[in-house]
């Protein structure tokens, strides 16, 4: 799952990228291509559906927040049906998330808001046998309508990756 995975505080089956809940901190290595996303929120309930532009993969995820806890689930249609389940605790200027999926991976994310505009995030994705699939650190700075995001991490045990980009939101 790509963009939709952010609804579920979990990573997106995208070669080791780790994702965060919309508005939260975490690690984000891009959405792996052009995607179409439709989301809807009603109070503490959120649902999103997405697909790649070619229409080959469809995804749906939902989350519900109560007090400071968010629980979420999602499925996608690529390579058979895959699922994910995640939870997150928001402690104000810090958060921590835990998730699992149909690949038996375990993902732990943590984030801290340094200021109103700047946050850092950390994520680790471990396979069921204890192998680390991905680990990363992200820094995000809100420029007001645009976010400057930089990340560095390691995927596949020995492949170091880094990204720097600007994300616009309207």
Protein backbone atom coordinates (compact mmCIF):
# COMPACT_ATOMS: atom_id res chain seq x y z
CA UNK A 1 0.00 0.00 0.00
CA UNK A 2 1.29 3.38 -0.85
CA UNK A 3 -0.42 6.63 0.09
CA UNK A 4 -3.31 4.80 1.74
CA UNK A 5 -0.91 3.18 4.18
CA UNK A 6 -0.53 6.49 5.97
CA UNK A 7 -4.10 6.04 7.16
CA UNK A 8 -3.00 2.92 8.98
CA UNK A 9 0.25 4.07 10.60
CA UNK A 10 2.17 1.46 8.69
CA UNK A 11 4.56 0.86 5.85
CA UNK A 12 3.50 0.30 2.31
CA UNK A 13 4.90 -2.93 0.85
CA UNK A 14 7.10 -0.69 -1.29
CA UNK A 15 10.59 -2.15 -1.05
CA UNK A 16 11.22 -1.05 2.49
CA UNK A 17 9.67 2.40 2.70
CA UNK A 18 8.19 3.32 6.05
CA UNK A 19 5.20 5.63 6.26
CA UNK A 20 3.48 7.69 8.92
CA UNK A 21 -0.08 8.65 9.70
CA UNK A 22 -1.17 11.82 7.92
CA UNK A 23 -0.05 14.79 9.96
CA UNK A 24 2.26 12.72 12.15
CA UNK A 25 5.98 12.13 12.01
CA UNK A 26 7.78 9.07 10.72
CA UNK A 27 9.84 7.96 7.76
CA UNK A 28 8.65 8.54 4.20
CA UNK A 29 10.53 7.30 1.14
CA UNK A 30 8.02 8.44 -1.55
CA UNK A 31 4.85 6.74 -2.73
CA UNK A 32 6.53 4.65 -5.43
CA UNK A 33 4.99 6.32 -8.44
CA UNK A 34 1.88 8.15 -9.56
CA UNK A 35 -1.16 7.39 -7.45
CA UNK A 36 -4.73 8.59 -7.12
CA UNK A 37 -6.03 9.05 -3.56
CA UNK A 38 -9.50 9.84 -2.26
CA UNK A 39 -9.92 10.31 1.48
CA UNK A 40 -12.79 11.23 3.76
CA UNK A 41 -12.83 12.16 7.43
CA UNK A 42 -15.81 12.42 9.75
CA UNK A 43 -14.70 13.39 13.22
CA UNK A 44 -12.28 10.73 14.47
CA UNK A 45 -13.01 8.27 11.63
CA UNK A 46 -10.97 8.38 8.41
CA UNK A 47 -11.19 6.24 5.29
CA UNK A 48 -9.13 6.36 2.13
CA UNK A 49 -9.11 4.55 -1.20
CA UNK A 50 -6.33 4.74 -3.73
CA UNK A 51 -5.06 3.18 -6.94
CA UNK A 52 -2.07 3.49 -9.16
CA UNK A 53 -2.71 5.53 -12.28
CA UNK A 54 -2.84 2.37 -14.44
CA UNK A 55 -5.55 0.94 -12.17
CA UNK A 56 -3.58 -2.27 -11.56
CA UNK A 57 -3.56 -1.96 -7.75
CA UNK A 58 -6.41 -0.75 -5.56
CA UNK A 59 -6.16 -0.05 -1.84
CA UNK A 60 -8.50 0.84 1.00
CA UNK A 61 -7.72 1.71 4.62
CA UNK A 62 -9.59 3.10 7.59
CA UNK A 63 -8.61 4.48 10.97
CA UNK A 64 -10.37 5.54 14.12
CA UNK A 65 -8.93 7.74 16.86
CA UNK A 66 -10.16 7.69 20.45
CA UNK A 67 -8.50 9.81 23.11
CA UNK A 68 -4.83 9.66 22.06
CA UNK A 69 -4.96 6.21 20.42
CA UNK A 70 -5.44 5.45 16.73
CA UNK A 71 -6.21 2.00 15.37
CA UNK A 72 -6.24 1.28 11.66
CA UNK A 73 -6.43 -1.46 9.04
CA UNK A 74 -5.94 -1.66 5.30
CA UNK A 75 -5.92 -4.05 2.35
CA UNK A 76 -4.65 -3.92 -1.21
CA UNK A 77 -5.18 -5.98 -4.36
CA UNK A 78 -1.64 -6.38 -5.69
CA UNK A 79 -0.03 -9.84 -5.69
CA UNK A 80 -3.12 -11.28 -4.05
CA UNK A 81 -4.79 -9.56 -1.16
CA UNK A 82 -2.42 -8.12 1.41
CA UNK A 83 -3.47 -6.62 4.74
CA UNK A 84 -2.01 -4.50 7.50
CA UNK A 85 -3.03 -3.57 11.00
CA UNK A 86 -1.55 -0.77 13.07
CA UNK A 87 -1.91 1.30 16.19
CA UNK A 88 -0.48 4.61 17.30
CA UNK A 89 -0.31 6.62 20.52
CA UNK A 90 -0.04 10.41 20.27
CA UNK A 91 1.46 11.96 23.39
CA UNK A 92 1.17 15.56 22.23
CA UNK A 93 4.55 16.48 20.79
CA UNK A 94 5.64 12.82 20.52
CA UNK A 95 4.13 9.63 19.13
CA UNK A 96 4.82 5.94 18.80
CA UNK A 97 3.27 3.40 16.44
CA UNK A 98 3.30 -0.38 16.06
CA UNK A 99 2.01 -2.48 13.17
CA UNK A 100 2.01 -5.85 11.46
CA UNK A 101 1.00 -7.15 8.04
CA UNK A 102 0.31 -10.23 5.93
CA UNK A 103 4.08 -10.65 5.45
CA UNK A 104 4.42 -11.10 9.25
CA UNK A 105 6.55 -7.94 9.45
CA UNK A 106 6.60 -5.82 12.60
CA UNK A 107 7.04 -2.06 12.23
CA UNK A 108 7.82 0.38 15.04
CA UNK A 109 7.72 4.14 14.44
CA UNK A 110 8.42 7.04 16.76
CA UNK A 111 8.27 10.77 16.24
CA UNK A 112 8.96 13.98 18.09
CA UNK A 113 7.92 17.55 17.28
CA UNK A 114 10.97 19.72 17.90
CA UNK A 115 8.89 22.86 17.31
CA UNK A 116 5.57 23.84 15.74
CA UNK A 117 7.19 23.59 12.30
CA UNK A 118 9.92 20.92 12.66
CA UNK A 119 9.64 17.24 13.49
CA UNK A 120 11.85 14.16 13.44
CA UNK A 121 10.80 10.58 12.99
CA UNK A 122 12.34 7.13 13.26
CA UNK A 123 11.12 3.82 11.92
CA UNK A 124 12.25 0.21 11.89
CA UNK A 125 10.69 -2.67 9.93
CA UNK A 126 11.64 -6.18 11.08
CA UNK A 127 10.72 -9.48 9.42
CA UNK A 128 9.24 -12.31 11.50
CA UNK A 129 12.67 -13.97 11.81
CA UNK A 130 14.22 -10.82 13.26
CA UNK A 131 15.88 -9.62 10.03
CA UNK A 132 15.75 -5.84 9.70
CA UNK A 133 14.05 -4.95 6.39
CA UNK A 134 14.43 -1.19 6.80
CA UNK A 135 15.44 1.44 9.30
CA UNK A 136 15.34 5.18 8.80
CA UNK A 137 15.34 8.69 10.19
CA UNK A 138 13.40 11.66 8.79
CA UNK A 139 13.39 15.40 9.43
CA UNK A 140 10.41 17.46 8.24
CA UNK A 141 10.01 21.24 8.29
CA UNK A 142 6.67 22.94 7.57
CA UNK A 143 7.07 25.99 5.37
CA UNK A 144 3.33 26.81 5.41
CA UNK A 145 1.61 24.99 2.53
CA UNK A 146 4.79 23.14 1.66
CA UNK A 147 6.96 20.76 3.66
CA UNK A 148 10.69 20.26 3.24
CA UNK A 149 11.42 16.59 4.01
CA UNK A 150 14.79 14.85 4.29
CA UNK A 151 15.31 11.19 5.15
CA UNK A 152 18.14 8.71 5.41
CA UNK A 153 17.91 5.00 6.03
CA UNK A 154 18.99 1.51 5.20
CA UNK A 155 16.87 -1.06 3.35
CA UNK A 156 17.58 -4.70 2.64
CA UNK A 157 20.28 -4.82 5.32
CA UNK A 158 23.00 -3.06 3.33
CA UNK A 159 21.47 -0.56 0.90
CA UNK A 160 21.74 3.00 2.24
CA UNK A 161 19.13 5.39 0.83
CA UNK A 162 18.49 9.09 1.26
CA UNK A 163 15.85 11.48 0.00
CA UNK A 164 15.21 15.19 0.03
CA UNK A 165 12.08 16.79 -1.32
CA UNK A 166 9.27 19.27 -1.06
CA UNK A 167 5.68 18.16 -0.51
CA UNK A 168 2.87 20.61 -1.32
CA UNK A 169 -0.58 20.35 0.27
CA UNK A 170 -3.63 22.32 -0.79
